[in-house]
Amino acid sequence: MRFSGTVLAMAMLPLTATPSQAVVFANQVLDFFDSGTGPIAGPYGGTTSPSNFPVSVPLSVAVDGDANTFLSLPTDSFVTVGFSGAVIIDGPGNDIFISEPGNGLEVASVLVSSDGGSTFELLGQAFGDTVTELDLATIGFTGTVNAVRIVGLDNGGSSPGFDVAFVQGLEGSVTVIPVPASVTLLLFGVAGLVTLKRRAPQT
C-alpha cells in the first residue's frame, strides 16, 4: 500500500468552520467628544429604572450591555465604541444594532470603521425609543467593522441628546476545530510506518 506525503500534511492543518453569526456587544470605548451643548458637562446620562438622569456617568455605560443604563449624546457629541477580539461583517439581514431607551424623537448618525476608528463611513441614522437595526449592505460595505461612532443630532429628551444603551454587531470569525491529539498521533504513526516500509530492502 502506498501513501503520499498528504497524510502528514493533513495532520498539521487545522479544520475550519464557516463564519459564525453570533451577535456580540461593543465592549470598549475608543473615543468620546463632548460638544458642550448639553445641560451639564459630559459624559452624562443615567438609568431608566429607577429613573435617574441627567447625571454624570462613566463612559462604560455605553458598553456594559445593559439596556437600563445609557450615555447621552447632545448635538455634535459623539462616542466611538469597539469590539475587542471580534470584527463585524455584512451577514444575512441587519448587522449593527443600537439601543436607545429615551424619547422617540432623538436621532443620531452612525458611522463605521475598519481601521479602529481612524477613518469612518456613514452607515445611516439611529432613532430613539427603539433598537435601530442597520445593514452594511445598504452602503456596499464589504470590509470588516471594528469600530462604530455614534454622533448625536439633537438635544431632545429629558436627558438631552441621543441615549446610547448598547451597540451590538454580527460577528464574523472563523472557528478553528482542533484535531484531537490521538488522531494526530495516529496520523504521525501511519506516516512513520510508510517511511519505514520505503526504507526496507526489496526482496
N, C-alpha and C. Protein backbone atom coordinates (compact mmCIF):
# COMPACT_ATOMS: atom_id res chain seq x y z
N MET A 1 0.86 -1.18 0.00
CA MET A 1 0.00 0.00 0.00
C MET A 1 0.89 1.23 0.00
N ARG A 2 0.61 2.18 -0.86
CA ARG A 2 1.42 3.39 -0.96
C ARG A 2 0.64 4.58 -0.44
N PHE A 3 1.36 5.45 0.30
CA PHE A 3 0.79 6.69 0.81
C PHE A 3 1.64 7.84 0.32
N SER A 4 1.01 8.94 0.06
CA SER A 4 1.77 10.14 -0.31
C SER A 4 2.04 10.96 0.95
N GLY A 5 2.79 12.05 0.81
CA GLY A 5 3.07 12.94 1.93
C GLY A 5 1.84 13.69 2.40
N THR A 6 0.71 13.51 1.72
CA THR A 6 -0.53 14.21 2.09
C THR A 6 -0.99 13.86 3.49
N VAL A 7 -0.75 12.60 3.92
CA VAL A 7 -1.20 12.17 5.24
C VAL A 7 -0.57 13.03 6.32
N LEU A 8 0.74 13.25 6.23
CA LEU A 8 1.43 14.05 7.22
C LEU A 8 0.96 15.50 7.17
N ALA A 9 0.77 16.02 5.98
CA ALA A 9 0.31 17.40 5.84
C ALA A 9 -1.06 17.59 6.46
N MET A 10 -1.94 16.59 6.28
CA MET A 10 -3.29 16.67 6.84
C MET A 10 -3.26 16.74 8.35
N ALA A 11 -2.28 16.09 8.97
CA ALA A 11 -2.20 16.10 10.43
C ALA A 11 -1.87 17.47 10.98
N MET A 12 -1.25 18.30 10.15
CA MET A 12 -0.81 19.60 10.63
C MET A 12 -1.80 20.72 10.32
N LEU A 13 -2.80 20.47 9.47
CA LEU A 13 -3.73 21.53 9.07
C LEU A 13 -4.92 21.61 10.00
N PRO A 14 -5.27 22.84 10.50
CA PRO A 14 -6.49 22.97 11.30
C PRO A 14 -7.71 22.88 10.40
N LEU A 15 -8.77 22.34 10.92
CA LEU A 15 -10.03 22.31 10.19
C LEU A 15 -10.78 23.59 10.53
N THR A 16 -11.50 24.15 9.57
CA THR A 16 -12.22 25.39 9.83
C THR A 16 -13.70 25.23 9.54
N ALA A 17 -14.48 25.98 10.28
CA ALA A 17 -15.93 26.00 10.04
C ALA A 17 -16.27 27.29 9.31
N THR A 18 -17.50 27.40 8.90
CA THR A 18 -17.95 28.62 8.22
C THR A 18 -18.02 29.77 9.21
N PRO A 19 -18.03 31.02 8.73
CA PRO A 19 -18.11 32.16 9.66
C PRO A 19 -19.32 32.05 10.57
N SER A 20 -19.11 32.39 11.84
CA SER A 20 -20.21 32.32 12.81
C SER A 20 -21.13 33.52 12.63
N GLN A 21 -22.32 33.42 13.19
CA GLN A 21 -23.28 34.52 13.09
C GLN A 21 -23.69 34.96 14.50
N ALA A 22 -22.74 34.95 15.43
CA ALA A 22 -23.03 35.40 16.80
C ALA A 22 -23.16 36.91 16.83
N VAL A 23 -24.06 37.40 17.67
CA VAL A 23 -24.20 38.83 17.87
C VAL A 23 -23.43 39.19 19.15
N VAL A 24 -22.49 40.13 19.04
CA VAL A 24 -21.64 40.50 20.17
C VAL A 24 -21.84 41.97 20.53
N PHE A 25 -21.60 42.29 21.80
CA PHE A 25 -21.69 43.66 22.28
C PHE A 25 -20.36 44.39 22.05
N ALA A 26 -20.44 45.67 21.67
CA ALA A 26 -19.26 46.53 21.75
C ALA A 26 -18.87 46.57 23.22
N ASN A 27 -17.57 46.42 23.50
CA ASN A 27 -17.15 46.31 24.90
C ASN A 27 -16.02 47.25 25.28
N GLN A 28 -15.71 48.22 24.42
CA GLN A 28 -14.69 49.21 24.80
C GLN A 28 -15.02 50.57 24.17
N VAL A 29 -14.72 51.63 24.93
CA VAL A 29 -14.89 52.99 24.41
C VAL A 29 -13.55 53.43 23.86
N LEU A 30 -13.52 53.77 22.57
CA LEU A 30 -12.28 54.17 21.91
C LEU A 30 -12.09 55.69 21.91
N ASP A 31 -13.20 56.43 21.92
CA ASP A 31 -13.11 57.88 21.81
C ASP A 31 -14.43 58.50 22.29
N PHE A 32 -14.34 59.70 22.83
CA PHE A 32 -15.54 60.43 23.26
C PHE A 32 -15.29 61.91 23.07
N PHE A 33 -16.32 62.63 22.61
CA PHE A 33 -16.23 64.08 22.46
C PHE A 33 -17.50 64.71 23.01
N ASP A 34 -17.33 65.68 23.90
CA ASP A 34 -18.44 66.43 24.47
C ASP A 34 -18.49 67.80 23.79
N SER A 35 -19.55 68.05 23.05
CA SER A 35 -19.68 69.31 22.31
C SER A 35 -19.99 70.49 23.23
N GLY A 36 -20.42 70.22 24.46
CA GLY A 36 -20.78 71.29 25.38
C GLY A 36 -22.18 71.82 25.20
N THR A 37 -22.99 71.17 24.37
CA THR A 37 -24.35 71.65 24.12
C THR A 37 -25.39 71.09 25.08
N GLY A 38 -24.96 70.19 25.97
CA GLY A 38 -25.88 69.60 26.94
C GLY A 38 -26.04 70.46 28.18
N PRO A 39 -26.93 70.06 29.11
CA PRO A 39 -27.22 70.85 30.31
C PRO A 39 -26.10 70.80 31.35
N ILE A 40 -25.30 69.70 31.32
CA ILE A 40 -24.15 69.58 32.23
C ILE A 40 -22.98 69.05 31.42
N ALA A 41 -21.80 69.23 31.97
CA ALA A 41 -20.61 68.75 31.25
C ALA A 41 -20.66 67.23 31.15
N GLY A 42 -20.27 66.73 30.00
CA GLY A 42 -20.29 65.29 29.78
C GLY A 42 -19.04 64.60 30.30
N PRO A 43 -19.08 63.28 30.37
CA PRO A 43 -20.21 62.45 29.94
C PRO A 43 -21.35 62.45 30.97
N TYR A 44 -22.55 62.48 30.45
CA TYR A 44 -23.72 62.37 31.32
C TYR A 44 -24.73 61.42 30.69
N GLY A 45 -25.67 61.00 31.48
CA GLY A 45 -26.70 60.05 31.04
C GLY A 45 -27.50 59.66 32.24
N GLY A 46 -27.65 58.33 32.46
CA GLY A 46 -28.38 57.91 33.64
C GLY A 46 -28.89 56.50 33.55
N THR A 47 -29.96 56.24 34.30
CA THR A 47 -30.60 54.93 34.32
C THR A 47 -32.09 55.11 34.06
N THR A 48 -32.72 54.06 33.54
CA THR A 48 -34.15 54.12 33.26
C THR A 48 -34.98 53.55 34.40
N SER A 49 -34.39 52.66 35.19
CA SER A 49 -35.15 52.05 36.29
C SER A 49 -34.21 51.77 37.47
N PRO A 50 -34.24 52.62 38.50
CA PRO A 50 -35.13 53.78 38.64
C PRO A 50 -34.67 54.93 37.74
N SER A 51 -35.59 55.81 37.41
CA SER A 51 -35.26 56.95 36.56
C SER A 51 -34.32 57.90 37.29
N ASN A 52 -33.16 58.13 36.71
CA ASN A 52 -32.17 59.00 37.32
C ASN A 52 -31.32 59.61 36.21
N PHE A 53 -31.70 60.82 35.77
CA PHE A 53 -31.00 61.49 34.68
C PHE A 53 -31.44 62.95 34.61
N PRO A 54 -30.65 63.85 34.02
CA PRO A 54 -29.27 63.61 33.60
C PRO A 54 -28.32 63.74 34.79
N VAL A 55 -27.40 62.80 34.88
CA VAL A 55 -26.37 62.81 35.91
C VAL A 55 -25.05 62.41 35.25
N SER A 56 -23.95 62.76 35.88
CA SER A 56 -22.65 62.33 35.36
C SER A 56 -22.56 60.81 35.42
N VAL A 57 -22.05 60.21 34.36
CA VAL A 57 -21.91 58.76 34.29
C VAL A 57 -20.53 58.41 33.72
N PRO A 58 -20.04 57.21 34.02
CA PRO A 58 -18.80 56.78 33.37
C PRO A 58 -19.09 56.40 31.92
N LEU A 59 -18.10 56.54 31.06
CA LEU A 59 -18.29 56.17 29.65
C LEU A 59 -18.65 54.70 29.48
N SER A 60 -18.31 53.89 30.45
CA SER A 60 -18.57 52.45 30.35
C SER A 60 -20.05 52.10 30.24
N VAL A 61 -20.96 53.05 30.57
CA VAL A 61 -22.39 52.72 30.45
C VAL A 61 -22.79 52.49 28.99
N ALA A 62 -21.98 52.98 28.05
CA ALA A 62 -22.30 52.77 26.63
C ALA A 62 -21.87 51.39 26.14
N VAL A 63 -21.08 50.68 26.96
CA VAL A 63 -20.56 49.38 26.51
C VAL A 63 -20.74 48.29 27.56
N ASP A 64 -21.67 48.51 28.50
CA ASP A 64 -21.87 47.49 29.54
C ASP A 64 -22.94 46.47 29.16
N GLY A 65 -23.57 46.63 28.00
CA GLY A 65 -24.58 45.68 27.55
C GLY A 65 -25.90 45.75 28.30
N ASP A 66 -26.05 46.76 29.16
CA ASP A 66 -27.24 46.90 30.00
C ASP A 66 -28.19 47.93 29.37
N ALA A 67 -29.39 47.49 29.02
CA ALA A 67 -30.37 48.39 28.40
C ALA A 67 -30.91 49.43 29.38
N ASN A 68 -30.62 49.27 30.67
CA ASN A 68 -31.12 50.18 31.70
C ASN A 68 -30.20 51.38 31.92
N THR A 69 -28.95 51.31 31.48
CA THR A 69 -28.01 52.41 31.67
C THR A 69 -27.67 53.02 30.31
N PHE A 70 -27.40 54.33 30.29
CA PHE A 70 -27.15 54.95 28.98
C PHE A 70 -26.25 56.17 29.09
N LEU A 71 -25.64 56.50 27.96
CA LEU A 71 -24.82 57.69 27.78
C LEU A 71 -25.56 58.61 26.83
N SER A 72 -25.79 59.85 27.23
CA SER A 72 -26.50 60.81 26.38
C SER A 72 -25.52 61.58 25.50
N LEU A 73 -25.89 61.75 24.24
CA LEU A 73 -25.06 62.47 23.27
C LEU A 73 -25.85 63.65 22.72
N PRO A 74 -25.68 64.85 23.32
CA PRO A 74 -26.37 66.02 22.76
C PRO A 74 -25.76 66.39 21.40
N THR A 75 -26.33 67.37 20.75
CA THR A 75 -25.94 67.76 19.39
C THR A 75 -24.42 67.86 19.23
N ASP A 76 -23.92 67.12 18.24
CA ASP A 76 -22.50 67.09 17.84
C ASP A 76 -21.57 66.40 18.83
N SER A 77 -22.08 65.84 19.92
CA SER A 77 -21.25 64.99 20.78
C SER A 77 -21.21 63.61 20.16
N PHE A 78 -20.12 62.88 20.42
CA PHE A 78 -20.06 61.52 19.87
C PHE A 78 -19.29 60.59 20.80
N VAL A 79 -19.55 59.29 20.60
CA VAL A 79 -18.79 58.24 21.25
C VAL A 79 -18.41 57.22 20.18
N THR A 80 -17.18 56.71 20.28
CA THR A 80 -16.73 55.65 19.38
C THR A 80 -16.51 54.40 20.22
N VAL A 81 -17.16 53.31 19.83
CA VAL A 81 -17.05 52.05 20.57
C VAL A 81 -16.41 50.99 19.69
N GLY A 82 -15.75 50.03 20.35
CA GLY A 82 -15.07 48.98 19.61
C GLY A 82 -15.44 47.60 20.13
N PHE A 83 -15.07 46.60 19.35
CA PHE A 83 -15.37 45.20 19.65
C PHE A 83 -14.04 44.48 19.89
N SER A 84 -13.68 44.29 21.15
CA SER A 84 -12.43 43.64 21.47
C SER A 84 -12.49 42.16 21.10
N GLY A 85 -11.54 41.72 20.27
CA GLY A 85 -11.48 40.32 19.90
C GLY A 85 -12.51 39.90 18.88
N ALA A 86 -13.17 40.84 18.23
CA ALA A 86 -14.19 40.49 17.24
C ALA A 86 -14.22 41.55 16.15
N VAL A 87 -14.70 41.16 14.99
CA VAL A 87 -14.98 42.11 13.92
C VAL A 87 -16.41 41.87 13.46
N ILE A 88 -17.01 42.91 12.89
CA ILE A 88 -18.40 42.82 12.44
C ILE A 88 -18.39 42.71 10.92
N ILE A 89 -19.27 41.85 10.40
CA ILE A 89 -19.32 41.61 8.96
C ILE A 89 -20.72 41.90 8.42
N ASP A 90 -20.79 41.99 7.10
CA ASP A 90 -22.08 42.08 6.43
C ASP A 90 -22.62 40.66 6.27
N GLY A 91 -23.47 40.27 7.17
CA GLY A 91 -24.08 38.95 7.12
C GLY A 91 -25.47 39.02 6.53
N PRO A 92 -26.24 37.96 6.65
CA PRO A 92 -27.61 38.00 6.16
C PRO A 92 -28.46 38.94 7.01
N GLY A 93 -29.19 39.82 6.36
CA GLY A 93 -30.03 40.76 7.10
C GLY A 93 -29.24 41.89 7.72
N ASN A 94 -29.72 42.38 8.87
CA ASN A 94 -29.10 43.52 9.53
C ASN A 94 -27.87 43.09 10.34
N ASP A 95 -26.90 44.03 10.47
CA ASP A 95 -25.61 43.68 11.04
C ASP A 95 -25.25 44.45 12.30
N ILE A 96 -25.73 45.68 12.44
CA ILE A 96 -25.38 46.52 13.60
C ILE A 96 -26.67 46.98 14.27
N PHE A 97 -26.70 46.89 15.61
CA PHE A 97 -27.91 47.15 16.37
C PHE A 97 -27.58 48.13 17.49
N ILE A 98 -28.35 49.24 17.58
CA ILE A 98 -28.08 50.29 18.56
C ILE A 98 -29.35 50.54 19.37
N SER A 99 -29.21 50.38 20.70
CA SER A 99 -30.35 50.54 21.60
C SER A 99 -30.39 51.96 22.16
N GLU A 100 -31.57 52.60 22.05
CA GLU A 100 -31.80 53.95 22.59
C GLU A 100 -33.08 53.89 23.41
N PRO A 101 -32.98 54.02 24.75
CA PRO A 101 -34.17 53.86 25.59
C PRO A 101 -34.96 55.13 25.82
N GLY A 102 -34.58 56.25 25.21
CA GLY A 102 -35.21 57.54 25.54
C GLY A 102 -36.33 57.94 24.61
N ASN A 103 -36.45 59.23 24.42
CA ASN A 103 -37.52 59.82 23.62
C ASN A 103 -37.44 59.37 22.17
N GLY A 104 -38.60 59.09 21.57
CA GLY A 104 -38.64 58.61 20.19
C GLY A 104 -38.20 59.61 19.15
N LEU A 105 -38.08 60.89 19.53
CA LEU A 105 -37.69 61.91 18.56
C LEU A 105 -36.18 62.08 18.46
N GLU A 106 -35.41 61.42 19.31
CA GLU A 106 -33.96 61.57 19.30
C GLU A 106 -33.34 60.81 18.12
N VAL A 107 -32.32 61.42 17.53
CA VAL A 107 -31.70 60.85 16.32
C VAL A 107 -30.18 60.97 16.43
N ALA A 108 -29.47 60.01 15.84
CA ALA A 108 -28.00 60.06 15.79
C ALA A 108 -27.51 59.52 14.46
N SER A 109 -26.36 60.00 14.03
CA SER A 109 -25.68 59.42 12.86
C SER A 109 -24.83 58.26 13.33
N VAL A 110 -24.78 57.21 12.51
CA VAL A 110 -23.99 56.02 12.83
C VAL A 110 -22.94 55.84 11.73
N LEU A 111 -21.68 55.80 12.14
CA LEU A 111 -20.58 55.64 11.20
C LEU A 111 -19.79 54.39 11.57
N VAL A 112 -19.19 53.74 10.56
CA VAL A 112 -18.44 52.52 10.81
C VAL A 112 -17.01 52.67 10.32
N SER A 113 -16.13 51.91 10.96
CA SER A 113 -14.70 51.96 10.63
C SER A 113 -14.12 50.55 10.61
N SER A 114 -13.20 50.32 9.68
CA SER A 114 -12.49 49.03 9.63
C SER A 114 -11.04 49.17 10.09
N ASP A 115 -10.64 50.39 10.48
CA ASP A 115 -9.25 50.60 10.90
C ASP A 115 -9.15 51.12 12.33
N GLY A 116 -10.07 50.68 13.19
CA GLY A 116 -10.01 51.02 14.60
C GLY A 116 -10.41 52.44 14.94
N GLY A 117 -11.04 53.14 13.99
CA GLY A 117 -11.53 54.48 14.27
C GLY A 117 -10.71 55.60 13.66
N SER A 118 -9.80 55.27 12.75
CA SER A 118 -9.03 56.33 12.07
C SER A 118 -9.86 57.00 10.98
N THR A 119 -10.60 56.20 10.22
CA THR A 119 -11.49 56.73 9.18
C THR A 119 -12.85 56.08 9.31
N PHE A 120 -13.88 56.81 8.89
CA PHE A 120 -15.25 56.33 9.05
C PHE A 120 -16.05 56.49 7.76
N GLU A 121 -17.08 55.66 7.65
CA GLU A 121 -18.04 55.77 6.56
C GLU A 121 -19.44 55.83 7.17
N LEU A 122 -20.26 56.78 6.70
CA LEU A 122 -21.61 56.93 7.23
C LEU A 122 -22.47 55.74 6.84
N LEU A 123 -23.04 55.06 7.85
CA LEU A 123 -23.91 53.91 7.60
C LEU A 123 -25.38 54.31 7.57
N GLY A 124 -25.77 55.24 8.42
CA GLY A 124 -27.18 55.64 8.46
C GLY A 124 -27.50 56.37 9.76
N GLN A 125 -28.77 56.33 10.14
CA GLN A 125 -29.21 57.01 11.36
C GLN A 125 -29.87 56.02 12.31
N ALA A 126 -29.70 56.31 13.60
CA ALA A 126 -30.38 55.54 14.65
C ALA A 126 -31.41 56.44 15.31
N PHE A 127 -32.48 55.83 15.83
CA PHE A 127 -33.61 56.60 16.34
C PHE A 127 -33.92 56.24 17.79
N GLY A 128 -34.64 57.13 18.46
CA GLY A 128 -34.95 56.97 19.87
C GLY A 128 -36.03 55.97 20.15
N ASP A 129 -36.03 55.49 21.42
CA ASP A 129 -37.08 54.61 21.94
C ASP A 129 -37.19 53.30 21.18
N THR A 130 -36.04 52.78 20.68
CA THR A 130 -36.07 51.53 19.92
C THR A 130 -34.66 50.97 19.81
N VAL A 131 -34.56 49.77 19.25
CA VAL A 131 -33.26 49.23 18.82
C VAL A 131 -33.22 49.40 17.30
N THR A 132 -32.37 50.30 16.84
CA THR A 132 -32.24 50.53 15.40
C THR A 132 -31.36 49.44 14.80
N GLU A 133 -31.82 48.86 13.69
CA GLU A 133 -31.08 47.80 13.01
C GLU A 133 -30.57 48.34 11.68
N LEU A 134 -29.27 48.18 11.44
CA LEU A 134 -28.65 48.72 10.24
C LEU A 134 -27.93 47.61 9.47
N ASP A 135 -27.99 47.69 8.15
CA ASP A 135 -27.41 46.67 7.28
C ASP A 135 -26.22 47.27 6.51
N LEU A 136 -25.04 46.69 6.66
CA LEU A 136 -23.85 47.18 5.96
C LEU A 136 -24.03 47.12 4.44
N ALA A 137 -24.87 46.23 3.96
CA ALA A 137 -25.08 46.09 2.52
C ALA A 137 -25.71 47.34 1.91
N THR A 138 -26.41 48.14 2.72
CA THR A 138 -27.07 49.33 2.17
C THR A 138 -26.07 50.36 1.65
N ILE A 139 -24.83 50.31 2.15
CA ILE A 139 -23.80 51.23 1.64
C ILE A 139 -22.70 50.46 0.89
N GLY A 140 -22.95 49.17 0.63
CA GLY A 140 -21.97 48.37 -0.09
C GLY A 140 -20.68 48.15 0.68
N PHE A 141 -20.77 48.15 2.01
CA PHE A 141 -19.58 47.98 2.85
C PHE A 141 -19.21 46.50 2.91
N THR A 142 -18.07 46.15 2.35
CA THR A 142 -17.68 44.73 2.27
C THR A 142 -16.53 44.38 3.21
N GLY A 143 -15.96 45.38 3.89
CA GLY A 143 -14.87 45.10 4.82
C GLY A 143 -15.41 44.63 6.16
N THR A 144 -14.51 44.50 7.13
CA THR A 144 -14.92 44.16 8.48
C THR A 144 -14.96 45.44 9.32
N VAL A 145 -15.88 45.50 10.26
CA VAL A 145 -16.05 46.67 11.12
C VAL A 145 -15.49 46.35 12.50
N ASN A 146 -14.60 47.21 13.00
CA ASN A 146 -14.12 47.03 14.37
C ASN A 146 -14.38 48.24 15.26
N ALA A 147 -15.00 49.28 14.69
CA ALA A 147 -15.36 50.45 15.49
C ALA A 147 -16.62 51.09 14.92
N VAL A 148 -17.46 51.60 15.82
CA VAL A 148 -18.71 52.28 15.44
C VAL A 148 -18.75 53.62 16.17
N ARG A 149 -19.01 54.70 15.43
CA ARG A 149 -19.15 56.03 16.02
C ARG A 149 -20.61 56.46 15.96
N ILE A 150 -21.11 56.98 17.08
CA ILE A 150 -22.48 57.47 17.16
C ILE A 150 -22.42 58.96 17.49
N VAL A 151 -23.04 59.78 16.64
CA VAL A 151 -22.99 61.24 16.78
C VAL A 151 -24.40 61.76 17.04
N GLY A 152 -24.60 62.43 18.17
CA GLY A 152 -25.90 62.99 18.49
C GLY A 152 -26.27 64.13 17.54
N LEU A 153 -27.55 64.18 17.14
CA LEU A 153 -28.01 65.20 16.19
C LEU A 153 -29.01 66.18 16.79
N ASP A 154 -29.35 66.01 18.07
CA ASP A 154 -30.34 66.91 18.67
C ASP A 154 -30.19 66.91 20.19
N ASN A 155 -30.97 67.76 20.84
CA ASN A 155 -30.98 67.83 22.30
C ASN A 155 -32.34 67.43 22.86
N GLY A 156 -32.97 66.47 22.18
CA GLY A 156 -34.29 66.03 22.63
C GLY A 156 -34.22 65.16 23.86
N GLY A 157 -35.34 65.03 24.53
CA GLY A 157 -35.45 64.12 25.66
C GLY A 157 -35.12 64.77 26.99
N SER A 158 -35.48 64.08 28.07
CA SER A 158 -35.24 64.59 29.43
C SER A 158 -33.77 64.58 29.80
N SER A 159 -33.02 63.64 29.22
CA SER A 159 -31.56 63.65 29.33
C SER A 159 -31.10 64.03 27.93
N PRO A 160 -30.94 65.32 27.65
CA PRO A 160 -30.83 65.80 26.27
C PRO A 160 -29.80 65.08 25.41
N GLY A 161 -30.28 64.68 24.24
CA GLY A 161 -29.43 64.01 23.27
C GLY A 161 -29.80 62.56 23.07
N PHE A 162 -29.15 61.93 22.11
CA PHE A 162 -29.37 60.51 21.80
C PHE A 162 -28.75 59.67 22.90
N ASP A 163 -29.53 58.76 23.47
CA ASP A 163 -29.09 57.95 24.60
C ASP A 163 -28.61 56.57 24.15
N VAL A 164 -27.32 56.31 24.27
CA VAL A 164 -26.75 55.03 23.85
C VAL A 164 -26.76 54.06 25.02
N ALA A 165 -27.57 53.00 24.91
CA ALA A 165 -27.59 51.97 25.94
C ALA A 165 -26.57 50.88 25.62
N PHE A 166 -26.57 50.41 24.37
CA PHE A 166 -25.57 49.43 23.94
C PHE A 166 -25.51 49.38 22.43
N VAL A 167 -24.41 48.83 21.93
CA VAL A 167 -24.21 48.62 20.49
C VAL A 167 -23.84 47.16 20.30
N GLN A 168 -24.51 46.52 19.36
CA GLN A 168 -24.22 45.12 19.05
C GLN A 168 -23.87 45.00 17.57
N GLY A 169 -23.20 43.92 17.23
CA GLY A 169 -22.87 43.67 15.83
C GLY A 169 -22.86 42.20 15.52
N LEU A 170 -23.03 41.87 14.24
CA LEU A 170 -22.99 40.50 13.78
C LEU A 170 -21.53 40.10 13.59
N GLU A 171 -21.06 39.24 14.45
CA GLU A 171 -19.63 38.90 14.48
C GLU A 171 -19.24 38.03 13.30
N GLY A 172 -18.06 38.31 12.74
CA GLY A 172 -17.50 37.46 11.69
C GLY A 172 -16.21 36.85 12.17
N SER A 173 -16.19 35.55 12.38
CA SER A 173 -14.97 34.87 12.81
C SER A 173 -14.96 33.45 12.28
N VAL A 174 -13.77 32.91 12.17
CA VAL A 174 -13.64 31.52 11.72
C VAL A 174 -13.32 30.68 12.94
N THR A 175 -14.10 29.65 13.16
CA THR A 175 -13.90 28.78 14.31
C THR A 175 -12.88 27.71 13.94
N VAL A 176 -11.81 27.64 14.71
CA VAL A 176 -10.80 26.60 14.48
C VAL A 176 -11.22 25.38 15.28
N ILE A 177 -11.33 24.24 14.61
CA ILE A 177 -11.71 22.99 15.25
C ILE A 177 -10.43 22.20 15.49
N PRO A 178 -9.97 22.07 16.74
CA PRO A 178 -8.70 21.39 16.98
C PRO A 178 -8.79 19.90 16.65
N VAL A 179 -7.72 19.37 16.07
CA VAL A 179 -7.65 17.94 15.79
C VAL A 179 -7.29 17.25 17.09
N PRO A 180 -8.04 16.24 17.55
CA PRO A 180 -7.71 15.55 18.80
C PRO A 180 -6.29 14.99 18.75
N ALA A 181 -5.59 15.02 19.88
CA ALA A 181 -4.20 14.56 19.94
C ALA A 181 -4.07 13.12 19.49
N SER A 182 -5.06 12.28 19.82
CA SER A 182 -4.99 10.86 19.44
C SER A 182 -4.99 10.70 17.92
N VAL A 183 -5.78 11.53 17.23
CA VAL A 183 -5.83 11.46 15.77
C VAL A 183 -4.50 11.91 15.18
N THR A 184 -3.95 12.99 15.76
CA THR A 184 -2.66 13.50 15.27
C THR A 184 -1.58 12.43 15.43
N LEU A 185 -1.53 11.77 16.61
CA LEU A 185 -0.53 10.73 16.85
C LEU A 185 -0.71 9.57 15.89
N LEU A 186 -1.95 9.19 15.63
CA LEU A 186 -2.23 8.09 14.70
C LEU A 186 -1.71 8.43 13.31
N LEU A 187 -1.95 9.65 12.86
CA LEU A 187 -1.50 10.06 11.52
C LEU A 187 0.02 10.10 11.44
N PHE A 188 0.67 10.58 12.52
CA PHE A 188 2.14 10.57 12.53
C PHE A 188 2.66 9.13 12.51
N GLY A 189 1.97 8.25 13.24
CA GLY A 189 2.37 6.84 13.27
C GLY A 189 2.27 6.19 11.89
N VAL A 190 1.17 6.46 11.21
CA VAL A 190 0.98 5.92 9.85
C VAL A 190 2.07 6.45 8.93
N ALA A 191 2.35 7.74 9.05
CA ALA A 191 3.40 8.34 8.21
C ALA A 191 4.75 7.69 8.50
N GLY A 192 5.02 7.39 9.79
CA GLY A 192 6.28 6.74 10.16
C GLY A 192 6.38 5.34 9.58
N LEU A 193 5.28 4.57 9.63
CA LEU A 193 5.29 3.22 9.06
C LEU A 193 5.53 3.25 7.56
N VAL A 194 4.93 4.22 6.90
CA VAL A 194 5.13 4.35 5.45
C VAL A 194 6.60 4.61 5.16
N THR A 195 7.22 5.48 5.98
CA THR A 195 8.64 5.79 5.78
C THR A 195 9.50 4.56 5.98
N LEU A 196 9.22 3.77 7.05
CA LEU A 196 9.99 2.54 7.30
C LEU A 196 9.81 1.54 6.18
N LYS A 197 8.60 1.41 5.67
CA LYS A 197 8.33 0.46 4.59
C LYS A 197 9.13 0.84 3.35
N ARG A 198 9.25 2.14 3.07
CA ARG A 198 10.01 2.58 1.92
C ARG A 198 11.49 2.29 2.07
N ARG A 199 12.01 2.32 3.34
CA ARG A 199 13.42 2.07 3.56
C ARG A 199 13.76 0.58 3.62
N ALA A 200 12.76 -0.25 3.82
CA ALA A 200 13.03 -1.69 3.91
C ALA A 200 13.58 -2.21 2.57
N PRO A 201 14.56 -3.11 2.65
CA PRO A 201 15.14 -3.66 1.41
C PRO A 201 14.09 -4.44 0.64
N GLN A 202 14.11 -4.28 -0.64
CA GLN A 202 13.19 -5.01 -1.52
C GLN A 202 13.72 -6.42 -1.76
N THR A 203 12.85 -7.43 -1.69
CA THR A 203 13.30 -8.81 -1.96
C THR A 203 12.76 -9.30 -3.26
